[in-house]
Amino acid sequence: MIGGQLIGHNDPDYQERVVKFNELISNCAIYSTALDITDAANALAAEGHLVDPDDLATISPLITRTIRRFGDCIVDTTPPQNIVATRLDLTLRALFPAAPV
């Protein structure tokens, strides 16, 4: 599976579907990367830079490492400057009034 999990069923039809799905996902990632490379090369050419076909031949859309479709994910772990009060101090009766008997 994509996340490294094992196929949990011994059903050959299920296993075949999982393999085909994984192939489809990897082919979509390769196609998307090829489109990104094409867009980047076209943008460089539009700016007047020389795009050498020999250089493009060394670029592969087949990524063998982590796929980062939208770039690097940077997590900012510093606490916010303005802390918003998130606690609601009400008595239990104010939130859940007793139903009339």
PDB file of N, CA and C in Angstrom:
ATOM      1  N   MET A   1       0.842  -1.179   0.000  1.00  0.00           N
ATOM      2  CA  MET A   1       0.000   0.000   0.000  1.00  0.00           C
ATOM      3  C   MET A   1       0.886   1.239   0.000  1.00  0.00           C
ATOM      4  N   ILE A   2       0.274   2.374  -0.240  1.00  0.00           N
ATOM      5  CA  ILE A   2       1.026   3.622  -0.357  1.00  0.00           C
ATOM      6  C   ILE A   2       1.773   3.930   0.942  1.00  0.00           C
ATOM      7  N   GLY A   3       1.129   3.766   2.088  1.00  0.00           N
ATOM      8  CA  GLY A   3       1.750   4.102   3.366  1.00  0.00           C
ATOM      9  C   GLY A   3       2.660   3.027   3.910  1.00  0.00           C
ATOM     10  N   GLY A   4       2.868   1.947   3.182  1.00  0.00           N
ATOM     11  CA  GLY A   4       3.760   0.893   3.642  1.00  0.00           C
ATOM     12  C   GLY A   4       3.051  -0.222   4.386  1.00  0.00           C
ATOM     13  N   GLN A   5       1.721  -0.184   4.431  1.00  0.00           N
ATOM     14  CA  GLN A   5       0.988  -1.238   5.112  1.00  0.00           C
ATOM     15  C   GLN A   5       0.934  -2.467   4.217  1.00  0.00           C
ATOM     16  N   LEU A   6       0.765  -3.613   4.845  1.00  0.00           N
ATOM     17  CA  LEU A   6       0.646  -4.854   4.091  1.00  0.00           C
ATOM     18  C   LEU A   6      -0.779  -5.039   3.604  1.00  0.00           C
ATOM     19  N   ILE A   7      -0.936  -5.818   2.550  1.00  0.00           N
ATOM     20  CA  ILE A   7      -2.273  -6.163   2.073  1.00  0.00           C
ATOM     21  C   ILE A   7      -2.845  -7.166   3.062  1.00  0.00           C
ATOM     22  N   GLY A   8      -3.949  -6.807   3.692  1.00  0.00           N
ATOM     23  CA  GLY A   8      -4.464  -7.587   4.799  1.00  0.00           C
ATOM     24  C   GLY A   8      -5.375  -8.741   4.430  1.00  0.00           C
ATOM     25  N   HIS A   9      -5.625  -8.999   3.169  1.00  0.00           N
ATOM     26  CA  HIS A   9      -6.526 -10.068   2.771  1.00  0.00           C
ATOM     27  C   HIS A   9      -5.784 -11.078   1.904  1.00  0.00           C
ATOM     28  N   ASN A  10      -6.225 -12.310   1.952  1.00  0.00           N
ATOM     29  CA  ASN A  10      -5.658 -13.345   1.097  1.00  0.00           C
ATOM     30  C   ASN A  10      -6.459 -13.529  -0.189  1.00  0.00           C
ATOM     31  N   ASP A  11      -7.420 -12.671  -0.398  1.00  0.00           N
ATOM     32  CA  ASP A  11      -8.261 -12.749  -1.583  1.00  0.00           C
ATOM     33  C   ASP A  11      -7.477 -12.242  -2.790  1.00  0.00           C
ATOM     34  N   PRO A  12      -7.228 -13.091  -3.800  1.00  0.00           N
ATOM     35  CA  PRO A  12      -6.436 -12.659  -4.965  1.00  0.00           C
ATOM     36  C   PRO A  12      -7.058 -11.486  -5.719  1.00  0.00           C
ATOM     37  N   ASP A  13      -8.388 -11.441  -5.798  1.00  0.00           N
ATOM     38  CA  ASP A  13      -9.035 -10.328  -6.497  1.00  0.00           C
ATOM     39  C   ASP A  13      -8.784  -9.011  -5.761  1.00  0.00           C
ATOM     40  N   TYR A  14      -8.874  -9.048  -4.430  1.00  0.00           N
ATOM     41  CA  TYR A  14      -8.621  -7.852  -3.629  1.00  0.00           C
ATOM     42  C   TYR A  14      -7.166  -7.416  -3.785  1.00  0.00           C
ATOM     43  N   GLN A  15      -6.244  -8.361  -3.737  1.00  0.00           N
ATOM     44  CA  GLN A  15      -4.829  -8.041  -3.878  1.00  0.00           C
ATOM     45  C   GLN A  15      -4.543  -7.429  -5.250  1.00  0.00           C
ATOM     46  N   GLU A  16      -5.182  -7.951  -6.286  1.00  0.00           N
ATOM     47  CA  GLU A  16      -4.987  -7.413  -7.625  1.00  0.00           C
ATOM     48  C   GLU A  16      -5.509  -5.984  -7.715  1.00  0.00           C
ATOM     49  N   ARG A  17      -6.662  -5.708  -7.095  1.00  0.00           N
ATOM     50  CA  ARG A  17      -7.205  -4.352  -7.091  1.00  0.00           C
ATOM     51  C   ARG A  17      -6.263  -3.393  -6.377  1.00  0.00           C
ATOM     52  N   VAL A  18      -5.689  -3.833  -5.250  1.00  0.00           N
ATOM     53  CA  VAL A  18      -4.776  -2.976  -4.495  1.00  0.00           C
ATOM     54  C   VAL A  18      -3.536  -2.666  -5.319  1.00  0.00           C
ATOM     55  N   VAL A  19      -2.985  -3.663  -5.992  1.00  0.00           N
ATOM     56  CA  VAL A  19      -1.795  -3.458  -6.819  1.00  0.00           C
ATOM     57  C   VAL A  19      -2.113  -2.509  -7.965  1.00  0.00           C
ATOM     58  N   LYS A  20      -3.255  -2.698  -8.615  1.00  0.00           N
ATOM     59  CA  LYS A  20      -3.627  -1.819  -9.731  1.00  0.00           C
ATOM     60  C   LYS A  20      -3.874  -0.395  -9.245  1.00  0.00           C
ATOM     61  N   PHE A  21      -4.484  -0.249  -8.065  1.00  0.00           N
ATOM     62  CA  PHE A  21      -4.719   1.079  -7.512  1.00  0.00           C
ATOM     63  C   PHE A  21      -3.394   1.770  -7.220  1.00  0.00           C
ATOM     64  N   ASN A  22      -2.447   1.039  -6.634  1.00  0.00           N
ATOM     65  CA  ASN A  22      -1.137   1.629  -6.353  1.00  0.00           C
ATOM     66  C   ASN A  22      -0.419   2.035  -7.636  1.00  0.00           C
ATOM     67  N   GLU A  23      -0.538   1.223  -8.681  1.00  0.00           N
ATOM     68  CA  GLU A  23       0.054   1.590  -9.963  1.00  0.00           C
ATOM     69  C   GLU A  23      -0.600   2.843 -10.519  1.00  0.00           C
ATOM     70  N   LEU A  24      -1.910   2.954 -10.394  1.00  0.00           N
ATOM     71  CA  LEU A  24      -2.628   4.132 -10.876  1.00  0.00           C
ATOM     72  C   LEU A  24      -2.168   5.379 -10.125  1.00  0.00           C
ATOM     73  N   ILE A  25      -2.048   5.293  -8.813  1.00  0.00           N
ATOM     74  CA  ILE A  25      -1.619   6.439  -8.015  1.00  0.00           C
ATOM     75  C   ILE A  25      -0.197   6.861  -8.401  1.00  0.00           C
ATOM     76  N   SER A  26       0.697   5.885  -8.548  1.00  0.00           N
ATOM     77  CA  SER A  26       2.082   6.235  -8.901  1.00  0.00           C
ATOM     78  C   SER A  26       2.148   6.812 -10.316  1.00  0.00           C
ATOM     79  N   ASN A  27       1.363   6.291 -11.245  1.00  0.00           N
ATOM     80  CA  ASN A  27       1.333   6.851 -12.596  1.00  0.00           C
ATOM     81  C   ASN A  27       0.787   8.273 -12.605  1.00  0.00           C
ATOM     82  N   CYS A  28      -0.211   8.543 -11.769  1.00  0.00           N
ATOM     83  CA  CYS A  28      -0.748   9.908 -11.671  1.00  0.00           C
ATOM     84  C   CYS A  28       0.303  10.864 -11.110  1.00  0.00           C
ATOM     85  N   ALA A  29       1.070  10.408 -10.129  1.00  0.00           N
ATOM     86  CA  ALA A  29       2.125  11.253  -9.560  1.00  0.00           C
ATOM     87  C   ALA A  29       3.214  11.525 -10.594  1.00  0.00           C
ATOM     88  N   ILE A  30       3.578  10.510 -11.366  1.00  0.00           N
ATOM     89  CA  ILE A  30       4.594  10.688 -12.409  1.00  0.00           C
ATOM     90  C   ILE A  30       4.088  11.649 -13.483  1.00  0.00           C
ATOM     91  N   TYR A  31       2.845  11.501 -13.899  1.00  0.00           N
ATOM     92  CA  TYR A  31       2.266  12.375 -14.922  1.00  0.00           C
ATOM     93  C   TYR A  31       2.212  13.823 -14.435  1.00  0.00           C
ATOM     94  N   SER A  32       1.788  14.013 -13.192  1.00  0.00           N
ATOM     95  CA  SER A  32       1.712  15.353 -12.623  1.00  0.00           C
ATOM     96  C   SER A  32       3.090  15.991 -12.548  1.00  0.00           C
ATOM     97  N   THR A  33       4.090  15.207 -12.166  1.00  0.00           N
ATOM     98  CA  THR A  33       5.455  15.728 -12.101  1.00  0.00           C
ATOM     99  C   THR A  33       5.975  16.073 -13.489  1.00  0.00           C
ATOM    100  N   ALA A  34       5.650  15.253 -14.486  1.00  0.00           N
ATOM    101  CA  ALA A  34       6.061  15.556 -15.862  1.00  0.00           C
ATOM    102  C   ALA A  34       5.432  16.859 -16.340  1.00  0.00           C
ATOM    103  N   LEU A  35       4.170  17.095 -15.984  1.00  0.00           N
ATOM    104  CA  LEU A  35       3.521  18.360 -16.336  1.00  0.00           C
ATOM    105  C   LEU A  35       4.203  19.541 -15.653  1.00  0.00           C
ATOM    106  N   ASP A  36       4.578  19.373 -14.383  1.00  0.00           N
ATOM    107  CA  ASP A  36       5.272  20.440 -13.662  1.00  0.00           C
ATOM    108  C   ASP A  36       6.621  20.755 -14.302  1.00  0.00           C
ATOM    109  N   ILE A  37       7.344  19.710 -14.709  1.00  0.00           N
ATOM    110  CA  ILE A  37       8.633  19.912 -15.368  1.00  0.00           C
ATOM    111  C   ILE A  37       8.436  20.653 -16.694  1.00  0.00           C
ATOM    112  N   THR A  38       7.411  20.275 -17.446  1.00  0.00           N
ATOM    113  CA  THR A  38       7.114  20.940 -18.722  1.00  0.00           C
ATOM    114  C   THR A  38       6.768  22.404 -18.499  1.00  0.00           C
ATOM    115  N   ASP A  39       5.936  22.686 -17.497  1.00  0.00           N
ATOM    116  CA  ASP A  39       5.583  24.077 -17.194  1.00  0.00           C
ATOM    117  C   ASP A  39       6.811  24.893 -16.808  1.00  0.00           C
ATOM    118  N   ALA A  40       7.697  24.297 -16.009  1.00  0.00           N
ATOM    119  CA  ALA A  40       8.903  25.007 -15.582  1.00  0.00           C
ATOM    120  C   ALA A  40       9.818  25.289 -16.776  1.00  0.00           C
ATOM    121  N   ALA A  41       9.974  24.303 -17.668  1.00  0.00           N
ATOM    122  CA  ALA A  41      10.819  24.501 -18.852  1.00  0.00           C
ATOM    123  C   ALA A  41      10.216  25.556 -19.772  1.00  0.00           C
ATOM    124  N   ASN A  42       8.897  25.537 -19.949  1.00  0.00           N
ATOM    125  CA  ASN A  42       8.236  26.545 -20.785  1.00  0.00           C
ATOM    126  C   ASN A  42       8.361  27.945 -20.173  1.00  0.00           C
ATOM    127  N   ALA A  43       8.271  28.036 -18.841  1.00  0.00           N
ATOM    128  CA  ALA A  43       8.408  29.336 -18.172  1.00  0.00           C
ATOM    129  C   ALA A  43       9.821  29.874 -18.334  1.00  0.00           C
ATOM    130  N   LEU A  44      10.818  29.005 -18.225  1.00  0.00           N
ATOM    131  CA  LEU A  44      12.199  29.439 -18.426  1.00  0.00           C
ATOM    132  C   LEU A  44      12.413  29.922 -19.862  1.00  0.00           C
ATOM    133  N   ALA A  45      11.859  29.177 -20.822  1.00  0.00           N
ATOM    134  CA  ALA A  45      11.999  29.569 -22.229  1.00  0.00           C
ATOM    135  C   ALA A  45      11.287  30.889 -22.498  1.00  0.00           C
ATOM    136  N   ALA A  46      10.134  31.104 -21.864  1.00  0.00           N
ATOM    137  CA  ALA A  46       9.394  32.351 -22.060  1.00  0.00           C
ATOM    138  C   ALA A  46      10.147  33.547 -21.480  1.00  0.00           C
ATOM    139  N   GLU A  47      10.955  33.322 -20.432  1.00  0.00           N
ATOM    140  CA  GLU A  47      11.742  34.395 -19.840  1.00  0.00           C
ATOM    141  C   GLU A  47      13.017  34.672 -20.630  1.00  0.00           C
ATOM    142  N   GLY A  48      13.282  33.871 -21.664  1.00  0.00           N
ATOM    143  CA  GLY A  48      14.440  34.100 -22.501  1.00  0.00           C
ATOM    144  C   GLY A  48      15.643  33.241 -22.165  1.00  0.00           C
ATOM    145  N   HIS A  49      15.492  32.310 -21.210  1.00  0.00           N
ATOM    146  CA  HIS A  49      16.600  31.418 -20.864  1.00  0.00           C
ATOM    147  C   HIS A  49      16.707  30.299 -21.900  1.00  0.00           C
ATOM    148  N   LEU A  50      17.917  29.855 -22.122  1.00  0.00           N
ATOM    149  CA  LEU A  50      18.143  28.756 -23.042  1.00  0.00           C
ATOM    150  C   LEU A  50      17.847  27.441 -22.333  1.00  0.00           C
ATOM    151  N   VAL A  51      16.940  26.656 -22.883  1.00  0.00           N
ATOM    152  CA  VAL A  51      16.602  25.345 -22.320  1.00  0.00           C
ATOM    153  C   VAL A  51      17.226  24.292 -23.216  1.00  0.00           C
ATOM    154  N   ASP A  52      18.214  23.605 -22.683  1.00  0.00           N
ATOM    155  CA  ASP A  52      18.953  22.606 -23.449  1.00  0.00           C
ATOM    156  C   ASP A  52      18.226  21.260 -23.363  1.00  0.00           C
ATOM    157  N   PRO A  53      17.893  20.642 -24.486  1.00  0.00           N
ATOM    158  CA  PRO A  53      17.225  19.327 -24.451  1.00  0.00           C
ATOM    159  C   PRO A  53      18.053  18.254 -23.738  1.00  0.00           C
ATOM    160  N   ASP A  54      19.385  18.383 -23.776  1.00  0.00           N
ATOM    161  CA  ASP A  54      20.224  17.416 -23.061  1.00  0.00           C
ATOM    162  C   ASP A  54      20.049  17.552 -21.551  1.00  0.00           C
ATOM    163  N   ASP A  55      19.843  18.785 -21.085  1.00  0.00           N
ATOM    164  CA  ASP A  55      19.587  18.988 -19.661  1.00  0.00           C
ATOM    165  C   ASP A  55      18.226  18.405 -19.271  1.00  0.00           C
ATOM    166  N   LEU A  56      17.232  18.613 -20.128  1.00  0.00           N
ATOM    167  CA  LEU A  56      15.897  18.061 -19.839  1.00  0.00           C
ATOM    168  C   LEU A  56      15.914  16.540 -19.848  1.00  0.00           C
ATOM    169  N   ALA A  57      16.819  15.954 -20.628  1.00  0.00           N
ATOM    170  CA  ALA A  57      16.890  14.490 -20.692  1.00  0.00           C
ATOM    171  C   ALA A  57      17.377  13.885 -19.392  1.00  0.00           C
ATOM    172  N   THR A  58      18.046  14.681 -18.548  1.00  0.00           N
ATOM    173  CA  THR A  58      18.546  14.153 -17.274  1.00  0.00           C
ATOM    174  C   THR A  58      17.521  14.264 -16.163  1.00  0.00           C
ATOM    175  N   ILE A  59      16.428  14.967 -16.421  1.00  0.00           N
ATOM    176  CA  ILE A  59      15.377  15.131 -15.404  1.00  0.00           C
ATOM    177  C   ILE A  59      14.364  14.010 -15.570  1.00  0.00           C
ATOM    178  N   SER A  60      14.046  13.360 -14.471  1.00  0.00           N
ATOM    179  CA  SER A  60      13.086  12.263 -14.521  1.00  0.00           C
ATOM    180  C   SER A  60      11.849  12.609 -13.704  1.00  0.00           C
ATOM    181  N   PRO A  61      10.659  12.385 -14.255  1.00  0.00           N
ATOM    182  CA  PRO A  61       9.443  12.608 -13.468  1.00  0.00           C
ATOM    183  C   PRO A  61       9.178  11.481 -12.476  1.00  0.00           C
ATOM    184  N   LEU A  62       9.966  10.416 -12.552  1.00  0.00           N
ATOM    185  CA  LEU A  62       9.795   9.302 -11.626  1.00  0.00           C
ATOM    186  C   LEU A  62      10.550   9.618 -10.347  1.00  0.00           C
ATOM    187  N   ILE A  63       9.823  10.026  -9.337  1.00  0.00           N
ATOM    188  CA  ILE A  63      10.440  10.383  -8.060  1.00  0.00           C
ATOM    189  C   ILE A  63      10.634   9.106  -7.250  1.00  0.00           C
ATOM    190  N   THR A  64      11.842   8.902  -6.780  1.00  0.00           N
ATOM    191  CA  THR A  64      12.124   7.688  -5.999  1.00  0.00           C
ATOM    192  C   THR A  64      12.208   7.981  -4.507  1.00  0.00           C
ATOM    193  N   ARG A  65      11.938   9.227  -4.133  1.00  0.00           N
ATOM    194  CA  ARG A  65      11.940   9.600  -2.719  1.00  0.00           C
ATOM    195  C   ARG A  65      10.554  10.129  -2.367  1.00  0.00           C
ATOM    196  N   THR A  66      10.451  10.819  -1.274  1.00  0.00           N
ATOM    197  CA  THR A  66       9.178  11.333  -0.804  1.00  0.00           C
ATOM    198  C   THR A  66       8.576  12.304  -1.819  1.00  0.00           C
ATOM    199  N   ILE A  67       7.301  12.120  -2.113  1.00  0.00           N
ATOM    200  CA  ILE A  67       6.595  13.007  -3.031  1.00  0.00           C
ATOM    201  C   ILE A  67       6.073  14.196  -2.233  1.00  0.00           C
ATOM    202  N   ARG A  68       6.493  15.379  -2.627  1.00  0.00           N
ATOM    203  CA  ARG A  68       6.021  16.601  -1.978  1.00  0.00           C
ATOM    204  C   ARG A  68       5.332  17.436  -3.048  1.00  0.00           C
ATOM    205  N   ARG A  69       4.085  17.117  -3.316  1.00  0.00           N
ATOM    206  CA  ARG A  69       3.345  17.722  -4.423  1.00  0.00           C
ATOM    207  C   ARG A  69       3.246  19.234  -4.285  1.00  0.00           C
ATOM    208  N   PHE A  70       3.097  19.737  -3.061  1.00  0.00           N
ATOM    209  CA  PHE A  70       2.929  21.167  -2.850  1.00  0.00           C
ATOM    210  C   PHE A  70       4.119  21.774  -2.124  1.00  0.00           C
ATOM    211  N   GLY A  71       5.309  21.191  -2.282  1.00  0.00           N
ATOM    212  CA  GLY A  71       6.515  21.742  -1.673  1.00  0.00           C
ATOM    213  C   GLY A  71       6.736  21.200  -0.276  1.00  0.00           C
ATOM    214  N   ASP A  72       7.698  21.776   0.415  1.00  0.00           N
ATOM    215  CA  ASP A  72       8.024  21.352   1.773  1.00  0.00           C
ATOM    216  C   ASP A  72       6.965  21.851   2.742  1.00  0.00           C
ATOM    217  N   CYS A  73       6.618  21.009   3.676  1.00  0.00           N
ATOM    218  CA  CYS A  73       5.663  21.377   4.720  1.00  0.00           C
ATOM    219  C   CYS A  73       6.469  21.865   5.919  1.00  0.00           C
ATOM    220  N   ILE A  74       6.328  23.122   6.264  1.00  0.00           N
ATOM    221  CA  ILE A  74       7.054  23.704   7.389  1.00  0.00           C
ATOM    222  C   ILE A  74       6.078  23.919   8.525  1.00  0.00           C
ATOM    223  N   VAL A  75       6.381  23.326   9.668  1.00  0.00           N
ATOM    224  CA  VAL A  75       5.518  23.431  10.833  1.00  0.00           C
ATOM    225  C   VAL A  75       6.132  24.440  11.798  1.00  0.00           C
ATOM    226  N   ASP A  76       5.398  25.487  12.105  1.00  0.00           N
ATOM    227  CA  ASP A  76       5.855  26.501  13.047  1.00  0.00           C
ATOM    228  C   ASP A  76       5.348  26.120  14.429  1.00  0.00           C
ATOM    229  N   THR A  77       6.253  25.755  15.321  1.00  0.00           N
ATOM    230  CA  THR A  77       5.849  25.297  16.651  1.00  0.00           C
ATOM    231  C   THR A  77       5.933  26.381  17.710  1.00  0.00           C
ATOM    232  N   THR A  78       6.213  27.616  17.300  1.00  0.00           N
ATOM    233  CA  THR A  78       6.247  28.695  18.286  1.00  0.00           C
ATOM    234  C   THR A  78       4.821  29.048  18.687  1.00  0.00           C
ATOM    235  N   PRO A  79       4.608  29.322  19.987  1.00  0.00           N
ATOM    236  CA  PRO A  79       3.240  29.641  20.425  1.00  0.00           C
ATOM    237  C   PRO A  79       2.796  30.999  19.889  1.00  0.00           C
ATOM    238  N   PRO A  80       1.507  31.181  19.696  1.00  0.00           N
ATOM    239  CA  PRO A  80       1.014  32.464  19.188  1.00  0.00           C
ATOM    240  C   PRO A  80       1.203  33.572  20.223  1.00  0.00           C
ATOM    241  N   GLN A  81       1.326  34.803  19.741  1.00  0.00           N
ATOM    242  CA  GLN A  81       1.533  35.942  20.642  1.00  0.00           C
ATOM    243  C   GLN A  81       0.260  36.287  21.405  1.00  0.00           C
ATOM    244  N   ASN A  82      -0.862  36.305  20.719  1.00  0.00           N
ATOM    245  CA  ASN A  82      -2.141  36.635  21.357  1.00  0.00           C
ATOM    246  C   ASN A  82      -2.883  35.341  21.654  1.00  0.00           C
ATOM    247  N   ILE A  83      -3.019  35.039  22.928  1.00  0.00           N
ATOM    248  CA  ILE A  83      -3.700  33.809  23.314  1.00  0.00           C
ATOM    249  C   ILE A  83      -5.180  34.120  23.502  1.00  0.00           C
ATOM    250  N   VAL A  84      -6.006  33.410  22.793  1.00  0.00           N
ATOM    251  CA  VAL A  84      -7.452  33.608  22.845  1.00  0.00           C
ATOM    252  C   VAL A  84      -8.017  32.715  23.940  1.00  0.00           C
ATOM    253  N   ALA A  85      -8.951  33.263  24.717  1.00  0.00           N
ATOM    254  CA  ALA A  85      -9.593  32.474  25.770  1.00  0.00           C
ATOM    255  C   ALA A  85     -10.495  31.429  25.120  1.00  0.00           C
ATOM    256  N   THR A  86     -10.216  30.172  25.395  1.00  0.00           N
ATOM    257  CA  THR A  86     -11.011  29.098  24.805  1.00  0.00           C
ATOM    258  C   THR A  86     -11.816  28.333  25.846  1.00  0.00           C
ATOM    259  N   ARG A  87     -11.727  28.743  27.085  1.00  0.00           N
ATOM    260  CA  ARG A  87     -12.455  28.044  28.142  1.00  0.00           C
ATOM    261  C   ARG A  87     -13.745  28.797  28.430  1.00  0.00           C
ATOM    262  N   LEU A  88     -14.838  28.062  28.502  1.00  0.00           N
ATOM    263  CA  LEU A  88     -16.146  28.627  28.805  1.00  0.00           C
ATOM    264  C   LEU A  88     -16.486  28.263  30.240  1.00  0.00           C
ATOM    265  N   ASP A  89     -16.467  29.251  31.141  1.00  0.00           N
ATOM    266  CA  ASP A  89     -16.709  29.006  32.562  1.00  0.00           C
ATOM    267  C   ASP A  89     -18.188  29.204  32.881  1.00  0.00           C
ATOM    268  N   LEU A  90     -18.954  28.167  32.689  1.00  0.00           N
ATOM    269  CA  LEU A  90     -20.370  28.185  33.038  1.00  0.00           C
ATOM    270  C   LEU A  90     -20.656  27.006  33.945  1.00  0.00           C
ATOM    271  N   THR A  91     -21.668  27.157  34.735  1.00  0.00           N
ATOM    272  CA  THR A  91     -22.063  26.027  35.573  1.00  0.00           C
ATOM    273  C   THR A  91     -22.714  24.973  34.696  1.00  0.00           C
ATOM    274  N   LEU A  92     -22.762  23.761  35.185  1.00  0.00           N
ATOM    275  CA  LEU A  92     -23.335  22.658  34.428  1.00  0.00           C
ATOM    276  C   LEU A  92     -24.807  22.924  34.124  1.00  0.00           C
ATOM    277  N   ARG A  93     -25.555  23.549  35.059  1.00  0.00           N
ATOM    278  CA  ARG A  93     -26.981  23.842  34.849  1.00  0.00           C
ATOM    279  C   ARG A  93     -27.189  24.854  33.719  1.00  0.00           C
ATOM    280  N   ALA A  94     -26.217  25.745  33.499  1.00  0.00           N
ATOM    281  CA  ALA A  94     -26.369  26.756  32.441  1.00  0.00           C
ATOM    282  C   ALA A  94     -26.236  26.093  31.055  1.00  0.00           C
ATOM    283  N   LEU A  95     -25.380  25.085  30.973  1.00  0.00           N
ATOM    284  CA  LEU A  95     -25.226  24.397  29.693  1.00  0.00           C
ATOM    285  C   LEU A  95     -26.340  23.395  29.448  1.00  0.00           C
ATOM    286  N   PHE A  96     -26.676  22.628  30.469  1.00  0.00           N
ATOM    287  CA  PHE A  96     -27.685  21.576  30.337  1.00  0.00           C
ATOM    288  C   PHE A  96     -28.747  21.770  31.424  1.00  0.00           C
ATOM    289  N   PRO A  97     -29.746  22.605  31.163  1.00  0.00           N
ATOM    290  CA  PRO A  97     -30.775  22.808  32.196  1.00  0.00           C
ATOM    291  C   PRO A  97     -31.554  21.521  32.441  1.00  0.00           C
ATOM    292  N   ALA A  98     -31.980  21.366  33.661  1.00  0.00           N
ATOM    293  CA  ALA A  98     -32.734  20.164  34.020  1.00  0.00           C
ATOM    294  C   ALA A  98     -34.082  20.198  33.328  1.00  0.00           C
ATOM    295  N   ALA A  99     -34.487  19.069  32.796  1.00  0.00           N
ATOM    296  CA  ALA A  99     -35.780  18.974  32.105  1.00  0.00           C
ATOM    297  C   ALA A  99     -36.893  18.896  33.152  1.00  0.00           C
ATOM    298  N   PRO A 100     -38.029  19.550  32.892  1.00  0.00           N
ATOM    299  CA  PRO A 100     -39.152  19.464  33.851  1.00  0.00           C
ATOM    300  C   PRO A 100     -39.686  18.057  33.913  1.00  0.00           C
ATOM    301  N   VAL A 101     -40.042  17.639  35.115  1.00  0.00           N
ATOM    302  CA  VAL A 101     -40.538  16.277  35.322  1.00  0.00           C
ATOM    303  C   VAL A 101     -42.032  16.221  35.268  1.00  0.00           C
TER     304      VAL A 101
END
